[in-house]
Structures are given as C-alpha cells and as structure tokens.
Amino acid sequence: MPLSALLEYPEFIVAAAICLVATIFAFRQGNAAFYLPGWLTEPAAQVLGAMPAKYVSWLMTRQNWCGWRSNSAFGTLAALKIYTPVLFSLTALFLPSQYAFLIVLVCFFAPDMVLNVYARRRQREIKETLPQALDLMVLCVDAGLGLDSTLQRISSEKSVVAKALNDELLTLGRDVLLGMERERAYQELYNRTGVEELKAFGSALNQSAKLGLSIAKTLRSQAEFLRLKLSQKAEEKAAKLPVYMAFPLWFFIMPALLVVVMAPSLIKFFEQSGL
C-alpha cells in the first residue's frame, strides 16, 4: 500500500494500533488466548481469505495443529497478519523504502513462523507422551474397561499424559460418544494433530476391531513400537553429535588449545634465537 494512500485512510492505522496494543496487553496479563472484537477481526479475515487458497489452508492446518480452534482464532491471526504490517509501514516516513518494505514483510510472515514453531512443539509433546498413555490404556483395558471408558479415563489423567494429548483424546472420546464412526474419528484425530504416530494408532485400532484382535495386545505392541522409534531417534541424534561438534571444535576450541599448549614453547624459542 503506498504511503499516500495509507495517509488518506487513517482508520487502517488506528485499527493496527488497537490490534498491537491489545496483543501486548493480553500477553502482559499472561493469557495465551485472547480475543479481539469482531469489527476489528472481520475485515482482516476477509483480506486474508482473499489470498491463495493453499496458503489459507496451510494457516488453518497449522492453527489446528497448535490447538487454536476457537471461532475467533482465524480472525485474530488475520488481524495480526494484516494490521501489524500496516502499522509498521509507517517506518517508511523515516527509513528508506527498501528497509520499510523488509520490516513489513517480516511482520506479515512472523505469525507463520510462530505457528510453525508452536505446531512442532505440540507434536513433539504428543509423540513423547504417547507411549505412557498407551501403557495406561493397556492397564485400563486389562482391568475390564471398554475402549470408550479407557479414552475418557486417560484423557482425565494429568500426571503422565501431556495436556495436548489429553485434549486430543478427550475430543476423540467425545466424537465417538456423539456417534461418529471410529474410523472417521481416528482420521480426524490425525488431521487435528498431524502426528503420524496417532495415525498408526488409529489404523491399528481399526484393524483390531475388524479382525477381532485383542485391544490390549494391540495397544501393548503400539507402545513398544513407539518406544523403539523414540529410542532410535535418540540414537540418531547422538550419532549426529560428532558432526555438529566438528565446527565449534576446530574453529573455537582448537585455536585456543593450540595457543595454550604452544605459546610457552614459541616464547622460549624466540627468546633463545634472539628474534
């Protein structure tokens, strides 16, 4: 948007300022979720919705993976992505145009990076706590509980299972309780999280239900498989450590070590040689 056009419509600047102030106030209060008024988010949502469909779908998918699924979540994201760059476009008044454009570009794509980081963090949290949740499910099934009762029991567990996995299992139990087919409910569980381990978990339960296999054995095998997978990933990271340590070792540690080891010898050599 040209600067002259921006100055002709100061309401965009006012809306951007209100959005930024509300965001800062919400985070200073310590609330992870905050809501902006509809008259502020609806225009931004319309502007963001007019962008390419793949990009909008990517944003909505990342929001689902982050667990931000309220009715106003997309509008809040749109307000941050539209009004904040408009506000920072005022830097063109005292900065060169290329720097102002770079700042506006960073402000527009910064929420995307935050979404991606939060989505990966939540997925990692689910992956790390899923084996413990499966062990608890095995105990509940062996104790005589059905699968639906087991899901409700595990979703209320706060000691071992992470909050993200609690929420997803609770949603899965509610979907099944409301009459959704189990196969579709497991597919929706994967779509909400993007975690491949949950997709394999749903597929295993579907197969065990169709073939009449023991649910306890299926859950136990899934837990063992996930533990093996996590241990293999840990071993892979450990095997990569020497490669990651090579650069700081040779460029930061070795020069200092050579100075400490060789400096006395070099000083004596130069003193005796008279140089």
C-alpha atoms as a PDB file:
ATOM      1  CA  MET A   1       0.000   0.000   0.000  1.00  0.00           C
ATOM      2  CA  PRO A   2       1.529   3.374  -0.973  1.00  0.00           C
ATOM      3  CA  LEU A   3       2.224   5.813   1.811  1.00  0.00           C
ATOM      4  CA  SER A   4      -0.057   8.464   0.310  1.00  0.00           C
ATOM      5  CA  ALA A   5      -2.961   6.010   0.178  1.00  0.00           C
ATOM      6  CA  LEU A   6      -2.216   4.948   3.728  1.00  0.00           C
ATOM      7  CA  LEU A   7      -2.394   8.541   4.942  1.00  0.00           C
ATOM      8  CA  GLU A   8      -5.696   9.016   3.120  1.00  0.00           C
ATOM      9  CA  TYR A   9      -7.259   6.170   5.119  1.00  0.00           C
ATOM     10  CA  PRO A  10      -6.104   6.644   8.720  1.00  0.00           C
ATOM     11  CA  GLU A  11      -8.630   4.102  10.015  1.00  0.00           C
ATOM     12  CA  PHE A  12      -6.228   1.334   8.979  1.00  0.00           C
ATOM     13  CA  ILE A  13      -3.530   2.900  11.157  1.00  0.00           C
ATOM     14  CA  VAL A  14      -5.932   3.200  14.084  1.00  0.00           C
ATOM     15  CA  ALA A  15      -7.050  -0.440  13.703  1.00  0.00           C
ATOM     16  CA  ALA A  16      -3.436  -1.604  13.546  1.00  0.00           C
ATOM     17  CA  ALA A  17      -2.569   0.376  16.672  1.00  0.00           C
ATOM     18  CA  ILE A  18      -5.546  -1.093  18.560  1.00  0.00           C
ATOM     19  CA  CYS A  19      -4.591  -4.616  17.476  1.00  0.00           C
ATOM     20  CA  LEU A  20      -0.994  -4.168  18.605  1.00  0.00           C
ATOM     21  CA  VAL A  21      -1.974  -2.648  21.954  1.00  0.00           C
ATOM     22  CA  ALA A  22      -4.494  -5.440  22.614  1.00  0.00           C
ATOM     23  CA  THR A  23      -1.887  -8.072  21.777  1.00  0.00           C
ATOM     24  CA  ILE A  24       0.712  -6.565  24.097  1.00  0.00           C
ATOM     25  CA  PHE A  25      -1.828  -6.160  26.899  1.00  0.00           C
ATOM     26  CA  ALA A  26      -3.006  -9.768  26.568  1.00  0.00           C
ATOM     27  CA  PHE A  27       0.496 -11.219  26.709  1.00  0.00           C
ATOM     28  CA  ARG A  28       1.444  -8.988  29.631  1.00  0.00           C
ATOM     29  CA  GLN A  29      -1.536 -10.367  31.502  1.00  0.00           C
ATOM     30  CA  GLY A  30      -0.175 -13.868  30.869  1.00  0.00           C
ATOM     31  CA  ASN A  31      -3.117 -15.078  28.762  1.00  0.00           C
ATOM     32  CA  ALA A  32      -2.101 -17.323  25.882  1.00  0.00           C
ATOM     33  CA  ALA A  33      -5.542 -16.973  24.297  1.00  0.00           C
ATOM     34  CA  PHE A  34      -7.092 -13.568  23.789  1.00  0.00           C
ATOM     35  CA  TYR A  35      -9.961 -12.254  21.718  1.00  0.00           C
ATOM     36  CA  LEU A  36     -10.328  -9.172  19.574  1.00  0.00           C
ATOM     37  CA  PRO A  37     -13.688  -7.587  18.764  1.00  0.00           C
ATOM     38  CA  GLY A  38     -15.452  -8.767  15.628  1.00  0.00           C
ATOM     39  CA  TRP A  39     -15.484  -5.347  13.991  1.00  0.00           C
ATOM     40  CA  LEU A  40     -11.682  -5.491  14.102  1.00  0.00           C
ATOM     41  CA  THR A  41     -11.105  -9.076  13.000  1.00  0.00           C
ATOM     42  CA  GLU A  42     -13.737  -9.499  10.279  1.00  0.00           C
ATOM     43  CA  PRO A  43     -12.182  -7.064   7.739  1.00  0.00           C
ATOM     44  CA  ALA A  44      -8.755  -8.627   8.303  1.00  0.00           C
ATOM     45  CA  ALA A  45     -10.204 -12.135   7.904  1.00  0.00           C
ATOM     46  CA  GLN A  46     -11.793 -11.127   4.600  1.00  0.00           C
ATOM     47  CA  VAL A  47      -8.492  -9.731   3.338  1.00  0.00           C
ATOM     48  CA  LEU A  48      -6.575 -12.827   4.412  1.00  0.00           C
ATOM     49  CA  GLY A  49      -9.267 -15.102   2.969  1.00  0.00           C
ATOM     50  CA  ALA A  50      -8.798 -13.471  -0.440  1.00  0.00           C
ATOM     51  CA  MET A  51      -5.229 -14.771  -0.598  1.00  0.00           C
ATOM     52  CA  PRO A  52      -4.351 -18.059  -2.360  1.00  0.00           C
ATOM     53  CA  ALA A  53      -6.384 -20.985  -1.100  1.00  0.00           C
ATOM     54  CA  LYS A  54      -3.328 -23.166  -0.453  1.00  0.00           C
ATOM     55  CA  TYR A  55      -1.798 -20.532   1.783  1.00  0.00           C
ATOM     56  CA  VAL A  56      -5.024 -20.031   3.747  1.00  0.00           C
ATOM     57  CA  SER A  57      -5.417 -23.801   4.091  1.00  0.00           C
ATOM     58  CA  TRP A  58      -1.825 -24.047   5.351  1.00  0.00           C
ATOM     59  CA  LEU A  59      -2.541 -21.411   8.005  1.00  0.00           C
ATOM     60  CA  MET A  60      -5.726 -23.125   9.156  1.00  0.00           C
ATOM     61  CA  THR A  61      -3.976 -26.502   9.310  1.00  0.00           C
ATOM     62  CA  ARG A  62      -1.160 -25.082  11.425  1.00  0.00           C
ATOM     63  CA  GLN A  63      -3.729 -23.477  13.723  1.00  0.00           C
ATOM     64  CA  ASN A  64      -5.388 -26.875  14.199  1.00  0.00           C
ATOM     65  CA  TRP A  65      -2.035 -28.471  14.934  1.00  0.00           C
ATOM     66  CA  CYS A  66      -1.341 -25.754  17.526  1.00  0.00           C
ATOM     67  CA  GLY A  67      -4.699 -26.401  19.196  1.00  0.00           C
ATOM     68  CA  TRP A  68      -6.051 -22.913  18.440  1.00  0.00           C
ATOM     69  CA  ARG A  69      -9.524 -23.895  17.230  1.00  0.00           C
ATOM     70  CA  SER A  70     -11.860 -21.274  18.640  1.00  0.00           C
ATOM     71  CA  ASN A  71     -14.286 -19.391  16.416  1.00  0.00           C
ATOM     72  CA  SER A  72     -12.192 -16.228  16.665  1.00  0.00           C
ATOM     73  CA  ALA A  73      -8.774 -17.875  16.193  1.00  0.00           C
ATOM     74  CA  PHE A  74      -8.561 -17.249  12.445  1.00  0.00           C
ATOM     75  CA  GLY A  75      -9.788 -13.687  12.837  1.00  0.00           C
ATOM     76  CA  THR A  76      -7.174 -12.966  15.493  1.00  0.00           C
ATOM     77  CA  LEU A  77      -4.463 -14.407  13.271  1.00  0.00           C
ATOM     78  CA  ALA A  78      -5.716 -12.342  10.341  1.00  0.00           C
ATOM     79  CA  ALA A  79      -5.695  -9.179  12.470  1.00  0.00           C
ATOM     80  CA  LEU A  80      -2.086  -9.815  13.494  1.00  0.00           C
ATOM     81  CA  LYS A  81      -1.027 -10.507   9.917  1.00  0.00           C
ATOM     82  CA  ILE A  82      -2.821  -7.538   8.336  1.00  0.00           C
ATOM     83  CA  TYR A  83      -2.879  -4.716  10.871  1.00  0.00           C
ATOM     84  CA  THR A  84       0.635  -5.132  12.240  1.00  0.00           C
ATOM     85  CA  PRO A  85       2.332  -4.715   8.823  1.00  0.00           C
ATOM     86  CA  VAL A  86       0.077  -1.714   8.165  1.00  0.00           C
ATOM     87  CA  LEU A  87       1.226  -0.154  11.425  1.00  0.00           C
ATOM     88  CA  PHE A  88       4.892  -0.819  10.737  1.00  0.00           C
ATOM     89  CA  SER A  89       4.571   0.568   7.216  1.00  0.00           C
ATOM     90  CA  LEU A  90       4.773   3.978   8.913  1.00  0.00           C
ATOM     91  CA  THR A  91       8.508   3.337   9.191  1.00  0.00           C
ATOM     92  CA  ALA A  92       8.672   4.478   5.557  1.00  0.00           C
ATOM     93  CA  LEU A  93       8.377   8.034   6.914  1.00  0.00           C
ATOM     94  CA  PHE A  94      11.877   7.933   8.393  1.00  0.00           C
ATOM     95  CA  LEU A  95      13.527   4.853   6.827  1.00  0.00           C
ATOM     96  CA  PRO A  96      14.466   4.039   3.234  1.00  0.00           C
ATOM     97  CA  SER A  97      11.704   2.335   1.309  1.00  0.00           C
ATOM     98  CA  GLN A  98      13.587  -0.967   0.948  1.00  0.00           C
ATOM     99  CA  TYR A  99      14.104  -1.251   4.705  1.00  0.00           C
ATOM    100  CA  ALA A 100      10.480  -0.349   5.413  1.00  0.00           C
ATOM    101  CA  PHE A 101       9.344  -2.975   2.908  1.00  0.00           C
ATOM    102  CA  LEU A 102      11.577  -5.568   4.596  1.00  0.00           C
ATOM    103  CA  ILE A 103      10.102  -4.724   8.012  1.00  0.00           C
ATOM    104  CA  VAL A 104       6.559  -5.004   6.653  1.00  0.00           C
ATOM    105  CA  LEU A 105       7.396  -8.349   5.041  1.00  0.00           C
ATOM    106  CA  VAL A 106       8.844  -9.698   8.291  1.00  0.00           C
ATOM    107  CA  CYS A 107       5.792  -8.529  10.258  1.00  0.00           C
ATOM    108  CA  PHE A 108       3.493 -10.272   7.788  1.00  0.00           C
ATOM    109  CA  PHE A 109       5.249 -13.653   7.899  1.00  0.00           C
ATOM    110  CA  ALA A 110       6.272 -13.614  11.574  1.00  0.00           C
ATOM    111  CA  PRO A 111       2.934 -15.175  12.732  1.00  0.00           C
ATOM    112  CA  ASP A 112       3.504 -18.002  10.238  1.00  0.00           C
ATOM    113  CA  MET A 113       6.854 -18.819  11.830  1.00  0.00           C
ATOM    114  CA  VAL A 114       5.310 -18.683  15.312  1.00  0.00           C
ATOM    115  CA  LEU A 115       2.540 -21.073  14.196  1.00  0.00           C
ATOM    116  CA  ASN A 116       5.067 -23.479  12.745  1.00  0.00           C
ATOM    117  CA  VAL A 117       7.196 -23.466  15.916  1.00  0.00           C
ATOM    118  CA  TYR A 118       4.191 -23.996  18.202  1.00  0.00           C
ATOM    119  CA  ALA A 119       2.834 -26.781  15.957  1.00  0.00           C
ATOM    120  CA  ARG A 120       6.138 -28.670  16.018  1.00  0.00           C
ATOM    121  CA  ARG A 121       6.458 -28.226  19.770  1.00  0.00           C
ATOM    122  CA  ARG A 122       2.961 -29.578  20.350  1.00  0.00           C
ATOM    123  CA  GLN A 123       3.552 -32.514  18.014  1.00  0.00           C
ATOM    124  CA  ARG A 124       6.788 -33.370  19.825  1.00  0.00           C
ATOM    125  CA  GLU A 125       4.981 -33.210  23.157  1.00  0.00           C
ATOM    126  CA  ILE A 126       2.329 -35.632  21.894  1.00  0.00           C
ATOM    127  CA  LYS A 127       4.914 -38.036  20.467  1.00  0.00           C
ATOM    128  CA  GLU A 128       6.926 -38.152  23.680  1.00  0.00           C
ATOM    129  CA  THR A 129       3.952 -38.851  25.957  1.00  0.00           C
ATOM    130  CA  LEU A 130       2.008 -41.226  23.706  1.00  0.00           C
ATOM    131  CA  PRO A 131       3.828 -44.417  24.869  1.00  0.00           C
ATOM    132  CA  GLN A 132       2.976 -43.643  28.508  1.00  0.00           C
ATOM    133  CA  ALA A 133      -0.640 -43.008  27.529  1.00  0.00           C
ATOM    134  CA  LEU A 134      -0.767 -46.346  25.718  1.00  0.00           C
ATOM    135  CA  ASP A 135       0.618 -48.113  28.790  1.00  0.00           C
ATOM    136  CA  LEU A 136      -2.147 -46.579  30.883  1.00  0.00           C
ATOM    137  CA  MET A 137      -4.686 -47.657  28.278  1.00  0.00           C
ATOM    138  CA  VAL A 138      -3.358 -51.231  28.468  1.00  0.00           C
ATOM    139  CA  LEU A 139      -3.804 -51.198  32.241  1.00  0.00           C
ATOM    140  CA  CYS A 140      -7.346 -49.883  31.931  1.00  0.00           C
ATOM    141  CA  VAL A 141      -8.303 -52.456  29.279  1.00  0.00           C
ATOM    142  CA  ASP A 142      -6.772 -55.299  31.310  1.00  0.00           C
ATOM    143  CA  ALA A 143      -8.789 -54.076  34.286  1.00  0.00           C
ATOM    144  CA  GLY A 144     -12.006 -54.578  32.311  1.00  0.00           C
ATOM    145  CA  LEU A 145     -12.776 -51.103  30.965  1.00  0.00           C
ATOM    146  CA  GLY A 146     -14.032 -50.684  27.416  1.00  0.00           C
ATOM    147  CA  LEU A 147     -12.201 -48.606  24.856  1.00  0.00           C
ATOM    148  CA  ASP A 148     -14.518 -45.613  25.208  1.00  0.00           C
ATOM    149  CA  SER A 149     -14.258 -45.630  29.001  1.00  0.00           C
ATOM    150  CA  THR A 150     -10.496 -46.033  28.684  1.00  0.00           C
ATOM    151  CA  LEU A 151     -10.239 -42.948  26.481  1.00  0.00           C
ATOM    152  CA  GLN A 152     -12.250 -40.918  28.984  1.00  0.00           C
ATOM    153  CA  ARG A 153     -10.113 -42.186  31.853  1.00  0.00           C
ATOM    154  CA  ILE A 154      -6.814 -41.449  30.125  1.00  0.00           C
ATOM    155  CA  SER A 155      -7.924 -38.011  28.951  1.00  0.00           C
ATOM    156  CA  SER A 156      -8.530 -37.042  32.581  1.00  0.00           C
ATOM    157  CA  GLU A 157      -5.047 -38.182  33.659  1.00  0.00           C
ATOM    158  CA  LYS A 158      -2.833 -35.180  34.434  1.00  0.00           C
ATOM    159  CA  SER A 159       0.279 -36.748  35.907  1.00  0.00           C
ATOM    160  CA  VAL A 160       1.907 -38.539  32.969  1.00  0.00           C
ATOM    161  CA  VAL A 161      -0.012 -37.603  29.835  1.00  0.00           C
ATOM    162  CA  ALA A 162       0.671 -34.144  28.416  1.00  0.00           C
ATOM    163  CA  LYS A 163      -2.111 -31.591  28.212  1.00  0.00           C
ATOM    164  CA  ALA A 164      -2.040 -31.609  24.402  1.00  0.00           C
ATOM    165  CA  LEU A 165      -2.586 -35.372  24.271  1.00  0.00           C
ATOM    166  CA  ASN A 166      -5.238 -35.086  26.993  1.00  0.00           C
ATOM    167  CA  ASP A 167      -7.180 -32.613  24.894  1.00  0.00           C
ATOM    168  CA  GLU A 168      -6.929 -34.721  21.744  1.00  0.00           C
ATOM    169  CA  LEU A 169      -8.002 -37.937  23.462  1.00  0.00           C
ATOM    170  CA  LEU A 170     -10.861 -36.084  25.121  1.00  0.00           C
ATOM    171  CA  THR A 171     -12.005 -34.794  21.722  1.00  0.00           C
ATOM    172  CA  LEU A 172     -11.662 -38.300  20.266  1.00  0.00           C
ATOM    173  CA  GLY A 173     -13.817 -39.756  23.052  1.00  0.00           C
ATOM    174  CA  ARG A 174     -16.467 -37.087  22.558  1.00  0.00           C
ATOM    175  CA  ASP A 175     -16.560 -37.689  18.800  1.00  0.00           C
ATOM    176  CA  VAL A 176     -17.123 -41.412  19.313  1.00  0.00           C
ATOM    177  CA  LEU A 177     -19.693 -40.741  22.039  1.00  0.00           C
ATOM    178  CA  LEU A 178     -21.643 -38.423  19.732  1.00  0.00           C
ATOM    179  CA  GLY A 179     -21.983 -41.134  17.107  1.00  0.00           C
ATOM    180  CA  MET A 180     -19.088 -40.522  14.739  1.00  0.00           C
ATOM    181  CA  GLU A 181     -17.709 -43.647  13.121  1.00  0.00           C
ATOM    182  CA  ARG A 182     -14.492 -44.791  14.745  1.00  0.00           C
ATOM    183  CA  GLU A 183     -12.554 -44.869  11.507  1.00  0.00           C
ATOM    184  CA  ARG A 184     -13.501 -41.265  10.763  1.00  0.00           C
ATOM    185  CA  ALA A 185     -12.840 -40.233  14.372  1.00  0.00           C
ATOM    186  CA  TYR A 186      -9.306 -41.647  14.181  1.00  0.00           C
ATOM    187  CA  GLN A 187      -8.769 -39.875  10.855  1.00  0.00           C
ATOM    188  CA  GLU A 188      -9.950 -36.598  12.387  1.00  0.00           C
ATOM    189  CA  LEU A 189      -7.546 -37.162  15.267  1.00  0.00           C
ATOM    190  CA  TYR A 190      -4.676 -37.303  12.789  1.00  0.00           C
ATOM    191  CA  ASN A 191      -5.962 -34.286  10.868  1.00  0.00           C
ATOM    192  CA  ARG A 192      -6.135 -32.215  14.064  1.00  0.00           C
ATOM    193  CA  THR A 193      -2.592 -33.029  15.132  1.00  0.00           C
ATOM    194  CA  GLY A 194      -0.569 -34.059  12.090  1.00  0.00           C
ATOM    195  CA  VAL A 195       1.208 -36.692  14.211  1.00  0.00           C
ATOM    196  CA  GLU A 196       1.998 -39.830  12.210  1.00  0.00           C
ATOM    197  CA  GLU A 197       2.113 -41.949  15.379  1.00  0.00           C
ATOM    198  CA  LEU A 198      -1.548 -41.149  16.072  1.00  0.00           C
ATOM    199  CA  LYS A 199      -2.402 -42.152  12.507  1.00  0.00           C
ATOM    200  CA  ALA A 200      -0.711 -45.522  13.058  1.00  0.00           C
ATOM    201  CA  PHE A 201      -2.500 -45.793  16.410  1.00  0.00           C
ATOM    202  CA  GLY A 202      -5.895 -45.263  14.773  1.00  0.00           C
ATOM    203  CA  SER A 203      -5.122 -47.696  11.965  1.00  0.00           C
ATOM    204  CA  ALA A 204      -4.091 -50.376  14.457  1.00  0.00           C
ATOM    205  CA  LEU A 205      -7.307 -49.968  16.446  1.00  0.00           C
ATOM    206  CA  ASN A 206      -9.369 -50.139  13.253  1.00  0.00           C
ATOM    207  CA  GLN A 207      -7.641 -53.333  12.172  1.00  0.00           C
ATOM    208  CA  SER A 208      -8.035 -54.925  15.589  1.00  0.00           C
ATOM    209  CA  ALA A 209     -11.761 -54.091  15.586  1.00  0.00           C
ATOM    210  CA  LYS A 210     -12.270 -55.513  12.084  1.00  0.00           C
ATOM    211  CA  LEU A 211     -10.268 -58.697  12.692  1.00  0.00           C
ATOM    212  CA  GLY A 212     -11.454 -59.236  16.245  1.00  0.00           C
ATOM    213  CA  LEU A 213      -7.992 -58.991  17.773  1.00  0.00           C
ATOM    214  CA  SER A 214      -7.301 -58.216  21.406  1.00  0.00           C
ATOM    215  CA  ILE A 215      -7.219 -54.457  22.022  1.00  0.00           C
ATOM    216  CA  ALA A 216      -4.798 -54.879  24.920  1.00  0.00           C
ATOM    217  CA  LYS A 217      -2.268 -56.724  22.729  1.00  0.00           C
ATOM    218  CA  THR A 218      -2.660 -54.101  20.002  1.00  0.00           C
ATOM    219  CA  LEU A 219      -2.081 -51.241  22.444  1.00  0.00           C
ATOM    220  CA  ARG A 220       0.889 -53.013  24.015  1.00  0.00           C
ATOM    221  CA  SER A 221       2.526 -53.602  20.631  1.00  0.00           C
ATOM    222  CA  GLN A 222       1.918 -49.992  19.667  1.00  0.00           C
ATOM    223  CA  ALA A 223       3.542 -48.782  22.884  1.00  0.00           C
ATOM    224  CA  GLU A 224       6.592 -50.998  22.312  1.00  0.00           C
ATOM    225  CA  PHE A 225       6.861 -49.827  18.715  1.00  0.00           C
ATOM    226  CA  LEU A 226       6.703 -46.161  19.729  1.00  0.00           C
ATOM    227  CA  ARG A 227       9.338 -46.637  22.414  1.00  0.00           C
ATOM    228  CA  LEU A 228      11.602 -48.340  19.887  1.00  0.00           C
ATOM    229  CA  LYS A 229      11.040 -45.484  17.464  1.00  0.00           C
ATOM    230  CA  LEU A 230      11.835 -42.846  20.095  1.00  0.00           C
ATOM    231  CA  SER A 231      14.984 -44.690  21.143  1.00  0.00           C
ATOM    232  CA  GLN A 232      16.102 -44.937  17.520  1.00  0.00           C
ATOM    233  CA  LYS A 233      15.587 -41.198  17.080  1.00  0.00           C
ATOM    234  CA  ALA A 234      17.618 -40.550  20.223  1.00  0.00           C
ATOM    235  CA  GLU A 235      20.412 -42.790  18.909  1.00  0.00           C
ATOM    236  CA  GLU A 236      20.289 -40.973  15.582  1.00  0.00           C
ATOM    237  CA  LYS A 237      20.672 -37.617  17.319  1.00  0.00           C
ATOM    238  CA  ALA A 238      23.553 -38.978  19.379  1.00  0.00           C
ATOM    239  CA  ALA A 239      25.275 -40.258  16.225  1.00  0.00           C
ATOM    240  CA  LYS A 240      24.997 -36.783  14.658  1.00  0.00           C
ATOM    241  CA  LEU A 241      26.617 -35.030  17.622  1.00  0.00           C
ATOM    242  CA  PRO A 242      30.248 -35.509  16.421  1.00  0.00           C
ATOM    243  CA  VAL A 243      29.339 -33.865  13.124  1.00  0.00           C
ATOM    244  CA  TYR A 244      27.676 -30.941  14.901  1.00  0.00           C
ATOM    245  CA  MET A 245      30.639 -30.572  17.270  1.00  0.00           C
ATOM    246  CA  ALA A 246      33.223 -30.522  14.484  1.00  0.00           C
ATOM    247  CA  PHE A 247      32.740 -26.855  13.574  1.00  0.00           C
ATOM    248  CA  PRO A 248      32.965 -25.351  17.098  1.00  0.00           C
ATOM    249  CA  LEU A 249      35.765 -27.786  17.970  1.00  0.00           C
ATOM    250  CA  TRP A 250      38.039 -26.851  15.068  1.00  0.00           C
ATOM    251  CA  PHE A 251      37.271 -23.154  14.843  1.00  0.00           C
ATOM    252  CA  PHE A 252      36.820 -22.174  18.501  1.00  0.00           C
ATOM    253  CA  ILE A 253      38.304 -24.754  20.850  1.00  0.00           C
ATOM    254  CA  MET A 254      41.348 -25.970  18.902  1.00  0.00           C
ATOM    255  CA  PRO A 255      42.845 -22.484  18.283  1.00  0.00           C
ATOM    256  CA  ALA A 256      42.624 -21.647  21.982  1.00  0.00           C
ATOM    257  CA  LEU A 257      44.084 -25.056  22.895  1.00  0.00           C
ATOM    258  CA  LEU A 258      46.979 -24.586  20.464  1.00  0.00           C
ATOM    259  CA  VAL A 259      47.729 -21.170  21.928  1.00  0.00           C
ATOM    260  CA  VAL A 260      47.788 -22.573  25.470  1.00  0.00           C
ATOM    261  CA  VAL A 261      49.955 -25.568  24.521  1.00  0.00           C
ATOM    262  CA  MET A 262      52.361 -23.982  22.026  1.00  0.00           C
ATOM    263  CA  ALA A 263      52.677 -20.419  23.327  1.00  0.00           C
ATOM    264  CA  PRO A 264      55.322 -21.182  26.037  1.00  0.00           C
ATOM    265  CA  SER A 265      57.454 -23.157  23.578  1.00  0.00           C
ATOM    266  CA  LEU A 266      57.241 -20.422  20.964  1.00  0.00           C
ATOM    267  CA  ILE A 267      58.159 -17.744  23.516  1.00  0.00           C
ATOM    268  CA  LYS A 268      61.257 -19.685  24.638  1.00  0.00           C
ATOM    269  CA  PHE A 269      62.231 -20.385  21.041  1.00  0.00           C
ATOM    270  CA  PHE A 270      62.068 -16.702  20.074  1.00  0.00           C
ATOM    271  CA  GLU A 271      63.978 -15.684  23.252  1.00  0.00           C
ATOM    272  CA  GLN A 272      66.798 -18.153  22.615  1.00  0.00           C
ATOM    273  CA  SER A 273      67.020 -17.400  18.911  1.00  0.00           C
ATOM    274  CA  GLY A 274      67.191 -13.665  19.589  1.00  0.00           C
ATOM    275  CA  LEU A 275      64.293 -12.811  17.305  1.00  0.00           C
END
